Amino acid sequence: FSDDWQMYIHGGDIAKKLKKYDEALEYYNIAGEIGTYFCDELYCKANLYEDLGNYEKAYAEYIKLADTLRKRSYDVEADAAEKDAEEIKKKI
């Protein structure tokens, strides 16, 4: 996919649907290395972990997402990620 982070996100989503979770994470990580717009890879990884019932990892990804967004001055999006983290925390 060269340097198109969106294609890696889509590849990860397809791998997730095929239940190839390790492959999905690899695609999401590559997208993150390339650089996504709103940290899309972190959203995807948090959702994957949540779907798998790994709430500790999902929580960690949401916190990382919120911190990253806040550093980039995306406060509204960071607040939403923190809210998602709090919902996940209740499941731990």
PDB file of N, CA and C in Angstrom:
ATOM      1  N   PHE A   1       0.808  -1.210   0.000  1.00  0.00           N
ATOM      2  CA  PHE A   1       0.000   0.000   0.000  1.00  0.00           C
ATOM      3  C   PHE A   1       0.839   1.258   0.000  1.00  0.00           C
ATOM      4  N   SER A   2       2.130   1.090  -0.029  1.00  0.00           N
ATOM      5  CA  SER A   2       3.040   2.226  -0.053  1.00  0.00           C
ATOM      6  C   SER A   2       2.889   3.056   1.221  1.00  0.00           C
ATOM      7  N   ASP A   3       2.591   4.324   1.055  1.00  0.00           N
ATOM      8  CA  ASP A   3       2.510   5.205   2.224  1.00  0.00           C
ATOM      9  C   ASP A   3       1.083   5.708   2.467  1.00  0.00           C
ATOM     10  N   ASP A   4       0.098   4.978   2.029  1.00  0.00           N
ATOM     11  CA  ASP A   4      -1.303   5.369   2.200  1.00  0.00           C
ATOM     12  C   ASP A   4      -1.858   4.750   3.481  1.00  0.00           C
ATOM     13  N   TRP A   5      -1.850   5.514   4.566  1.00  0.00           N
ATOM     14  CA  TRP A   5      -2.284   4.991   5.861  1.00  0.00           C
ATOM     15  C   TRP A   5      -3.727   4.505   5.832  1.00  0.00           C
ATOM     16  N   GLN A   6      -4.557   5.138   5.005  1.00  0.00           N
ATOM     17  CA  GLN A   6      -5.968   4.741   4.939  1.00  0.00           C
ATOM     18  C   GLN A   6      -6.118   3.305   4.432  1.00  0.00           C
ATOM     19  N   MET A   7      -5.268   2.912   3.505  1.00  0.00           N
ATOM     20  CA  MET A   7      -5.332   1.545   2.989  1.00  0.00           C
ATOM     21  C   MET A   7      -4.969   0.540   4.082  1.00  0.00           C
ATOM     22  N   TYR A   8      -4.019   0.905   4.935  1.00  0.00           N
ATOM     23  CA  TYR A   8      -3.652   0.015   6.041  1.00  0.00           C
ATOM     24  C   TYR A   8      -4.786  -0.088   7.060  1.00  0.00           C
ATOM     25  N   ILE A   9      -5.483   1.005   7.291  1.00  0.00           N
ATOM     26  CA  ILE A   9      -6.650   0.946   8.183  1.00  0.00           C
ATOM     27  C   ILE A   9      -7.699   0.012   7.583  1.00  0.00           C
ATOM     28  N   HIS A  10      -7.965   0.158   6.289  1.00  0.00           N
ATOM     29  CA  HIS A  10      -8.933  -0.722   5.631  1.00  0.00           C
ATOM     30  C   HIS A  10      -8.467  -2.173   5.659  1.00  0.00           C
ATOM     31  N   GLY A  11      -7.163  -2.386   5.419  1.00  0.00           N
ATOM     32  CA  GLY A  11      -6.620  -3.742   5.490  1.00  0.00           C
ATOM     33  C   GLY A  11      -6.809  -4.337   6.876  1.00  0.00           C
ATOM     34  N   GLY A  12      -6.577  -3.528   7.906  1.00  0.00           N
ATOM     35  CA  GLY A  12      -6.790  -3.986   9.269  1.00  0.00           C
ATOM     36  C   GLY A  12      -8.244  -4.318   9.541  1.00  0.00           C
ATOM     37  N   ASP A  13      -9.137  -3.496   9.023  1.00  0.00           N
ATOM     38  CA  ASP A  13     -10.573  -3.755   9.211  1.00  0.00           C
ATOM     39  C   ASP A  13     -10.995  -5.056   8.526  1.00  0.00           C
ATOM     40  N   ILE A  14     -10.446  -5.305   7.356  1.00  0.00           N
ATOM     41  CA  ILE A  14     -10.761  -6.551   6.642  1.00  0.00           C
ATOM     42  C   ILE A  14     -10.210  -7.738   7.415  1.00  0.00           C
ATOM     43  N   ALA A  15      -8.968  -7.640   7.870  1.00  0.00           N
ATOM     44  CA  ALA A  15      -8.375  -8.725   8.655  1.00  0.00           C
ATOM     45  C   ALA A  15      -9.191  -8.983   9.920  1.00  0.00           C
ATOM     46  N   LYS A  16      -9.679  -7.929  10.546  1.00  0.00           N
ATOM     47  CA  LYS A  16     -10.511  -8.075  11.751  1.00  0.00           C
ATOM     48  C   LYS A  16     -11.781  -8.852  11.428  1.00  0.00           C
ATOM     49  N   LYS A  17     -12.425  -8.510  10.334  1.00  0.00           N
ATOM     50  CA  LYS A  17     -13.646  -9.217   9.947  1.00  0.00           C
ATOM     51  C   LYS A  17     -13.373 -10.687   9.645  1.00  0.00           C
ATOM     52  N   LEU A  18     -12.162 -10.969   9.161  1.00  0.00           N
ATOM     53  CA  LEU A  18     -11.774 -12.352   8.878  1.00  0.00           C
ATOM     54  C   LEU A  18     -11.240 -13.064  10.125  1.00  0.00           C
ATOM     55  N   LYS A  19     -11.301 -12.368  11.267  1.00  0.00           N
ATOM     56  CA  LYS A  19     -10.841 -12.894  12.556  1.00  0.00           C
ATOM     57  C   LYS A  19      -9.342 -13.172  12.576  1.00  0.00           C
ATOM     58  N   LYS A  20      -8.607 -12.406  11.785  1.00  0.00           N
ATOM     59  CA  LYS A  20      -7.147 -12.466  11.786  1.00  0.00           C
ATOM     60  C   LYS A  20      -6.657 -11.258  12.597  1.00  0.00           C
ATOM     61  N   TYR A  21      -6.812 -11.379  13.908  1.00  0.00           N
ATOM     62  CA  TYR A  21      -6.619 -10.242  14.789  1.00  0.00           C
ATOM     63  C   TYR A  21      -5.169  -9.762  14.853  1.00  0.00           C
ATOM     64  N   ASP A  22      -4.217 -10.687  14.850  1.00  0.00           N
ATOM     65  CA  ASP A  22      -2.812 -10.277  14.857  1.00  0.00           C
ATOM     66  C   ASP A  22      -2.464  -9.507  13.587  1.00  0.00           C
ATOM     67  N   GLU A  23      -3.000  -9.965  12.476  1.00  0.00           N
ATOM     68  CA  GLU A  23      -2.760  -9.279  11.202  1.00  0.00           C
ATOM     69  C   GLU A  23      -3.411  -7.899  11.217  1.00  0.00           C
ATOM     70  N   ALA A  24      -4.596  -7.797  11.785  1.00  0.00           N
ATOM     71  CA  ALA A  24      -5.274  -6.499  11.883  1.00  0.00           C
ATOM     72  C   ALA A  24      -4.421  -5.518  12.684  1.00  0.00           C
ATOM     73  N   LEU A  25      -3.885  -5.977  13.808  1.00  0.00           N
ATOM     74  CA  LEU A  25      -3.035  -5.110  14.620  1.00  0.00           C
ATOM     75  C   LEU A  25      -1.788  -4.665  13.865  1.00  0.00           C
ATOM     76  N   GLU A  26      -1.224  -5.566  13.072  1.00  0.00           N
ATOM     77  CA  GLU A  26      -0.055  -5.199  12.272  1.00  0.00           C
ATOM     78  C   GLU A  26      -0.391  -4.071  11.303  1.00  0.00           C
ATOM     79  N   TYR A  27      -1.521  -4.209  10.627  1.00  0.00           N
ATOM     80  CA  TYR A  27      -1.943  -3.165   9.689  1.00  0.00           C
ATOM     81  C   TYR A  27      -2.179  -1.842  10.414  1.00  0.00           C
ATOM     82  N   TYR A  28      -2.854  -1.886  11.553  1.00  0.00           N
ATOM     83  CA  TYR A  28      -3.115  -0.659  12.304  1.00  0.00           C
ATOM     84  C   TYR A  28      -1.805  -0.015  12.761  1.00  0.00           C
ATOM     85  N   ASN A  29      -0.859  -0.837  13.196  1.00  0.00           N
ATOM     86  CA  ASN A  29       0.428  -0.298  13.640  1.00  0.00           C
ATOM     87  C   ASN A  29       1.179   0.373  12.495  1.00  0.00           C
ATOM     88  N   ILE A  30       1.134  -0.225  11.319  1.00  0.00           N
ATOM     89  CA  ILE A  30       1.796   0.383  10.156  1.00  0.00           C
ATOM     90  C   ILE A  30       1.140   1.716   9.825  1.00  0.00           C
ATOM     91  N   ALA A  31      -0.189   1.761   9.877  1.00  0.00           N
ATOM     92  CA  ALA A  31      -0.892   3.028   9.630  1.00  0.00           C
ATOM     93  C   ALA A  31      -0.416   4.092  10.614  1.00  0.00           C
ATOM     94  N   GLY A  32      -0.240   3.707  11.870  1.00  0.00           N
ATOM     95  CA  GLY A  32       0.240   4.647  12.870  1.00  0.00           C
ATOM     96  C   GLY A  32       1.653   5.117  12.600  1.00  0.00           C
ATOM     97  N   GLU A  33       2.498   4.227  12.095  1.00  0.00           N
ATOM     98  CA  GLU A  33       3.871   4.609  11.763  1.00  0.00           C
ATOM     99  C   GLU A  33       3.894   5.615  10.616  1.00  0.00           C
ATOM    100  N   ILE A  34       3.006   5.429   9.657  1.00  0.00           N
ATOM    101  CA  ILE A  34       2.921   6.358   8.533  1.00  0.00           C
ATOM    102  C   ILE A  34       2.394   7.701   9.025  1.00  0.00           C
ATOM    103  N   GLY A  35       1.416   7.629   9.921  1.00  0.00           N
ATOM    104  CA  GLY A  35       0.796   8.841  10.461  1.00  0.00           C
ATOM    105  C   GLY A  35      -0.606   9.001   9.922  1.00  0.00           C
ATOM    106  N   THR A  36      -1.566   8.979  10.835  1.00  0.00           N
ATOM    107  CA  THR A  36      -2.972   9.126  10.457  1.00  0.00           C
ATOM    108  C   THR A  36      -3.457  10.505  10.872  1.00  0.00           C
ATOM    109  N   TYR A  37      -4.645  10.856  10.454  1.00  0.00           N
ATOM    110  CA  TYR A  37      -5.153  12.207  10.687  1.00  0.00           C
ATOM    111  C   TYR A  37      -5.554  12.429  12.147  1.00  0.00           C
ATOM    112  N   PHE A  38      -6.471  11.639  12.643  1.00  0.00           N
ATOM    113  CA  PHE A  38      -6.934  11.763  14.028  1.00  0.00           C
ATOM    114  C   PHE A  38      -6.568  10.526  14.834  1.00  0.00           C
ATOM    115  N   CYS A  39      -5.393   9.988  14.624  1.00  0.00           N
ATOM    116  CA  CYS A  39      -4.947   8.793  15.354  1.00  0.00           C
ATOM    117  C   CYS A  39      -5.905   7.627  15.111  1.00  0.00           C
ATOM    118  N   ASP A  40      -6.321   7.472  13.894  1.00  0.00           N
ATOM    119  CA  ASP A  40      -7.296   6.443  13.535  1.00  0.00           C
ATOM    120  C   ASP A  40      -6.861   5.057  13.984  1.00  0.00           C
ATOM    121  N   GLU A  41      -5.555   4.786  13.926  1.00  0.00           N
ATOM    122  CA  GLU A  41      -5.074   3.458  14.309  1.00  0.00           C
ATOM    123  C   GLU A  41      -5.353   3.173  15.779  1.00  0.00           C
ATOM    124  N   LEU A  42      -5.300   4.190  16.621  1.00  0.00           N
ATOM    125  CA  LEU A  42      -5.570   3.986  18.043  1.00  0.00           C
ATOM    126  C   LEU A  42      -7.038   3.685  18.284  1.00  0.00           C
ATOM    127  N   TYR A  43      -7.920   4.368  17.567  1.00  0.00           N
ATOM    128  CA  TYR A  43      -9.348   4.052  17.642  1.00  0.00           C
ATOM    129  C   TYR A  43      -9.582   2.596  17.235  1.00  0.00           C
ATOM    130  N   CYS A  44      -8.978   2.218  16.122  1.00  0.00           N
ATOM    131  CA  CYS A  44      -9.167   0.859  15.598  1.00  0.00           C
ATOM    132  C   CYS A  44      -8.649  -0.194  16.575  1.00  0.00           C
ATOM    133  N   LYS A  45      -7.484   0.042  17.139  1.00  0.00           N
ATOM    134  CA  LYS A  45      -6.916  -0.920  18.082  1.00  0.00           C
ATOM    135  C   LYS A  45      -7.768  -0.997  19.348  1.00  0.00           C
ATOM    136  N   ALA A  46      -8.228   0.140  19.841  1.00  0.00           N
ATOM    137  CA  ALA A  46      -9.083   0.139  21.033  1.00  0.00           C
ATOM    138  C   ALA A  46     -10.366  -0.638  20.768  1.00  0.00           C
ATOM    139  N   ASN A  47     -10.964  -0.415  19.614  1.00  0.00           N
ATOM    140  CA  ASN A  47     -12.202  -1.136  19.267  1.00  0.00           C
ATOM    141  C   ASN A  47     -11.958  -2.630  19.122  1.00  0.00           C
ATOM    142  N   LEU A  48     -10.828  -2.993  18.532  1.00  0.00           N
ATOM    143  CA  LEU A  48     -10.498  -4.410  18.380  1.00  0.00           C
ATOM    144  C   LEU A  48     -10.341  -5.066  19.749  1.00  0.00           C
ATOM    145  N   TYR A  49      -9.574  -4.445  20.626  1.00  0.00           N
ATOM    146  CA  TYR A  49      -9.387  -5.004  21.962  1.00  0.00           C
ATOM    147  C   TYR A  49     -10.714  -5.096  22.718  1.00  0.00           C
ATOM    148  N   GLU A  50     -11.541  -4.087  22.548  1.00  0.00           N
ATOM    149  CA  GLU A  50     -12.851  -4.110  23.207  1.00  0.00           C
ATOM    150  C   GLU A  50     -13.698  -5.260  22.681  1.00  0.00           C
ATOM    151  N   ASP A  51     -13.719  -5.437  21.379  1.00  0.00           N
ATOM    152  CA  ASP A  51     -14.483  -6.535  20.777  1.00  0.00           C
ATOM    153  C   ASP A  51     -13.986  -7.899  21.253  1.00  0.00           C
ATOM    154  N   LEU A  52     -12.694  -7.996  21.515  1.00  0.00           N
ATOM    155  CA  LEU A  52     -12.101  -9.253  21.973  1.00  0.00           C
ATOM    156  C   LEU A  52     -12.254  -9.447  23.480  1.00  0.00           C
ATOM    157  N   GLY A  53     -12.787  -8.435  24.156  1.00  0.00           N
ATOM    158  CA  GLY A  53     -12.957  -8.527  25.597  1.00  0.00           C
ATOM    159  C   GLY A  53     -11.707  -8.235  26.390  1.00  0.00           C
ATOM    160  N   ASN A  54     -10.697  -7.689  25.738  1.00  0.00           N
ATOM    161  CA  ASN A  54      -9.461  -7.325  26.420  1.00  0.00           C
ATOM    162  C   ASN A  54      -9.570  -5.857  26.831  1.00  0.00           C
ATOM    163  N   TYR A  55     -10.324  -5.633  27.903  1.00  0.00           N
ATOM    164  CA  TYR A  55     -10.672  -4.280  28.305  1.00  0.00           C
ATOM    165  C   TYR A  55      -9.485  -3.482  28.833  1.00  0.00           C
ATOM    166  N   GLU A  56      -8.510  -4.154  29.418  1.00  0.00           N
ATOM    167  CA  GLU A  56      -7.331  -3.446  29.908  1.00  0.00           C
ATOM    168  C   GLU A  56      -6.574  -2.793  28.751  1.00  0.00           C
ATOM    169  N   LYS A  57      -6.379  -3.550  27.676  1.00  0.00           N
ATOM    170  CA  LYS A  57      -5.669  -3.000  26.514  1.00  0.00           C
ATOM    171  C   LYS A  57      -6.517  -1.939  25.817  1.00  0.00           C
ATOM    172  N   ALA A  58      -7.824  -2.161  25.744  1.00  0.00           N
ATOM    173  CA  ALA A  58      -8.713  -1.167  25.137  1.00  0.00           C
ATOM    174  C   ALA A  58      -8.638   0.146  25.916  1.00  0.00           C
ATOM    175  N   TYR A  59      -8.675   0.042  27.231  1.00  0.00           N
ATOM    176  CA  TYR A  59      -8.584   1.224  28.086  1.00  0.00           C
ATOM    177  C   TYR A  59      -7.265   1.961  27.830  1.00  0.00           C
ATOM    178  N   ALA A  60      -6.167   1.218  27.786  1.00  0.00           N
ATOM    179  CA  ALA A  60      -4.854   1.825  27.557  1.00  0.00           C
ATOM    180  C   ALA A  60      -4.799   2.552  26.214  1.00  0.00           C
ATOM    181  N   GLU A  61      -5.406   1.970  25.192  1.00  0.00           N
ATOM    182  CA  GLU A  61      -5.405   2.613  23.870  1.00  0.00           C
ATOM    183  C   GLU A  61      -6.245   3.893  23.895  1.00  0.00           C
ATOM    184  N   TYR A  62      -7.381   3.866  24.571  1.00  0.00           N
ATOM    185  CA  TYR A  62      -8.208   5.080  24.650  1.00  0.00           C
ATOM    186  C   TYR A  62      -7.486   6.194  25.408  1.00  0.00           C
ATOM    187  N   ILE A  63      -6.760   5.839  26.475  1.00  0.00           N
ATOM    188  CA  ILE A  63      -6.006   6.843  27.222  1.00  0.00           C
ATOM    189  C   ILE A  63      -4.887   7.413  26.359  1.00  0.00           C
ATOM    190  N   LYS A  64      -4.191   6.538  25.647  1.00  0.00           N
ATOM    191  CA  LYS A  64      -3.123   6.996  24.738  1.00  0.00           C
ATOM    192  C   LYS A  64      -3.710   7.909  23.667  1.00  0.00           C
ATOM    193  N   LEU A  65      -4.862   7.533  23.142  1.00  0.00           N
ATOM    194  CA  LEU A  65      -5.546   8.332  22.141  1.00  0.00           C
ATOM    195  C   LEU A  65      -5.900   9.711  22.696  1.00  0.00           C
ATOM    196  N   ALA A  66      -6.492   9.736  23.876  1.00  0.00           N
ATOM    197  CA  ALA A  66      -6.883  11.009  24.478  1.00  0.00           C
ATOM    198  C   ALA A  66      -5.666  11.898  24.703  1.00  0.00           C
ATOM    199  N   ASP A  67      -4.589  11.328  25.217  1.00  0.00           N
ATOM    200  CA  ASP A  67      -3.370  12.109  25.460  1.00  0.00           C
ATOM    201  C   ASP A  67      -2.806  12.686  24.164  1.00  0.00           C
ATOM    202  N   THR A  68      -2.763  11.856  23.138  1.00  0.00           N
ATOM    203  CA  THR A  68      -2.225  12.302  21.846  1.00  0.00           C
ATOM    204  C   THR A  68      -3.082  13.413  21.251  1.00  0.00           C
ATOM    205  N   LEU A  69      -4.399  13.228  21.292  1.00  0.00           N
ATOM    206  CA  LEU A  69      -5.299  14.250  20.737  1.00  0.00           C
ATOM    207  C   LEU A  69      -5.196  15.557  21.514  1.00  0.00           C
ATOM    208  N   ARG A  70      -5.095  15.458  22.825  1.00  0.00           N
ATOM    209  CA  ARG A  70      -4.992  16.673  23.634  1.00  0.00           C
ATOM    210  C   ARG A  70      -3.692  17.426  23.318  1.00  0.00           C
ATOM    211  N   LYS A  71      -2.597  16.694  23.123  1.00  0.00           N
ATOM    212  CA  LYS A  71      -1.325  17.328  22.767  1.00  0.00           C
ATOM    213  C   LYS A  71      -1.420  18.059  21.429  1.00  0.00           C
ATOM    214  N   ARG A  72      -2.304  17.574  20.565  1.00  0.00           N
ATOM    215  CA  ARG A  72      -2.481  18.196  19.247  1.00  0.00           C
ATOM    216  C   ARG A  72      -3.585  19.249  19.261  1.00  0.00           C
ATOM    217  N   SER A  73      -4.086  19.559  20.438  1.00  0.00           N
ATOM    218  CA  SER A  73      -5.119  20.589  20.652  1.00  0.00           C
ATOM    219  C   SER A  73      -6.492  20.190  20.108  1.00  0.00           C
ATOM    220  N   TYR A  74      -6.751  18.909  20.028  1.00  0.00           N
ATOM    221  CA  TYR A  74      -8.077  18.423  19.652  1.00  0.00           C
ATOM    222  C   TYR A  74      -8.822  18.037  20.934  1.00  0.00           C
ATOM    223  N   ASP A  75      -9.208  19.059  21.687  1.00  0.00           N
ATOM    224  CA  ASP A  75      -9.774  18.831  23.008  1.00  0.00           C
ATOM    225  C   ASP A  75     -11.131  18.124  22.986  1.00  0.00           C
ATOM    226  N   VAL A  76     -11.969  18.452  22.040  1.00  0.00           N
ATOM    227  CA  VAL A  76     -13.286  17.812  21.957  1.00  0.00           C
ATOM    228  C   VAL A  76     -13.122  16.319  21.691  1.00  0.00           C
ATOM    229  N   GLU A  77     -12.246  15.974  20.758  1.00  0.00           N
ATOM    230  CA  GLU A  77     -12.006  14.577  20.439  1.00  0.00           C
ATOM    231  C   GLU A  77     -11.339  13.860  21.614  1.00  0.00           C
ATOM    232  N   ALA A  78     -10.443  14.551  22.309  1.00  0.00           N
ATOM    233  CA  ALA A  78      -9.783  13.970  23.480  1.00  0.00           C
ATOM    234  C   ALA A  78     -10.795  13.695  24.584  1.00  0.00           C
ATOM    235  N   ASP A  79     -11.734  14.615  24.779  1.00  0.00           N
ATOM    236  CA  ASP A  79     -12.786  14.401  25.780  1.00  0.00           C
ATOM    237  C   ASP A  79     -13.620  13.169  25.442  1.00  0.00           C
ATOM    238  N   ALA A  80     -13.916  12.983  24.161  1.00  0.00           N
ATOM    239  CA  ALA A  80     -14.697  11.819  23.739  1.00  0.00           C
ATOM    240  C   ALA A  80     -13.918  10.530  23.996  1.00  0.00           C
ATOM    241  N   ALA A  81     -12.630  10.541  23.719  1.00  0.00           N
ATOM    242  CA  ALA A  81     -11.798   9.354  23.962  1.00  0.00           C
ATOM    243  C   ALA A  81     -11.717   9.052  25.462  1.00  0.00           C
ATOM    244  N   GLU A  82     -11.627  10.091  26.284  1.00  0.00           N
ATOM    245  CA  GLU A  82     -11.618   9.888  27.738  1.00  0.00           C
ATOM    246  C   GLU A  82     -12.939   9.313  28.225  1.00  0.00           C
ATOM    247  N   LYS A  83     -14.026   9.760  27.631  1.00  0.00           N
ATOM    248  CA  LYS A  83     -15.345   9.211  27.979  1.00  0.00           C
ATOM    249  C   LYS A  83     -15.407   7.728  27.609  1.00  0.00           C
ATOM    250  N   ASP A  84     -14.895   7.389  26.431  1.00  0.00           N
ATOM    251  CA  ASP A  84     -14.852   5.982  26.016  1.00  0.00           C
ATOM    252  C   ASP A  84     -13.996   5.169  26.986  1.00  0.00           C
ATOM    253  N   ALA A  85     -12.876   5.739  27.411  1.00  0.00           N
ATOM    254  CA  ALA A  85     -11.993   5.052  28.355  1.00  0.00           C
ATOM    255  C   ALA A  85     -12.713   4.783  29.669  1.00  0.00           C
ATOM    256  N   GLU A  86     -13.474   5.752  30.139  1.00  0.00           N
ATOM    257  CA  GLU A  86     -14.211   5.574  31.400  1.00  0.00           C
ATOM    258  C   GLU A  86     -15.269   4.481  31.278  1.00  0.00           C
ATOM    259  N   GLU A  87     -15.906   4.387  30.123  1.00  0.00           N
ATOM    260  CA  GLU A  87     -16.894   3.317  29.905  1.00  0.00           C
ATOM    261  C   GLU A  87     -16.223   1.950  29.924  1.00  0.00           C
ATOM    262  N   ILE A  88     -15.053   1.865  29.306  1.00  0.00           N
ATOM    263  CA  ILE A  88     -14.310   0.609  29.286  1.00  0.00           C
ATOM    264  C   ILE A  88     -13.829   0.255  30.684  1.00  0.00           C
ATOM    265  N   LYS A  89     -13.396   1.264  31.424  1.00  0.00           N
ATOM    266  CA  LYS A  89     -12.882   1.039  32.784  1.00  0.00           C
ATOM    267  C   LYS A  89     -13.927   0.337  33.666  1.00  0.00           C
ATOM    268  N   LYS A  90     -15.183   0.637  33.429  1.00  0.00           N
ATOM    269  CA  LYS A  90     -16.272   0.015  34.194  1.00  0.00           C
ATOM    270  C   LYS A  90     -16.354  -1.489  33.935  1.00  0.00           C
ATOM    271  N   LYS A  91     -15.847  -1.933  32.796  1.00  0.00           N
ATOM    272  CA  LYS A  91     -15.897  -3.351  32.425  1.00  0.00           C
ATOM    273  C   LYS A  91     -14.706  -4.148  32.951  1.00  0.00           C
ATOM    274  N   ILE A  92     -13.699  -3.439  33.427  1.00  0.00           N
ATOM    275  CA  ILE A  92     -12.480  -4.116  33.885  1.00  0.00           C
ATOM    276  C   ILE A  92     -12.733  -4.748  35.248  1.00  0.00           C
TER     277      ILE A  92
END
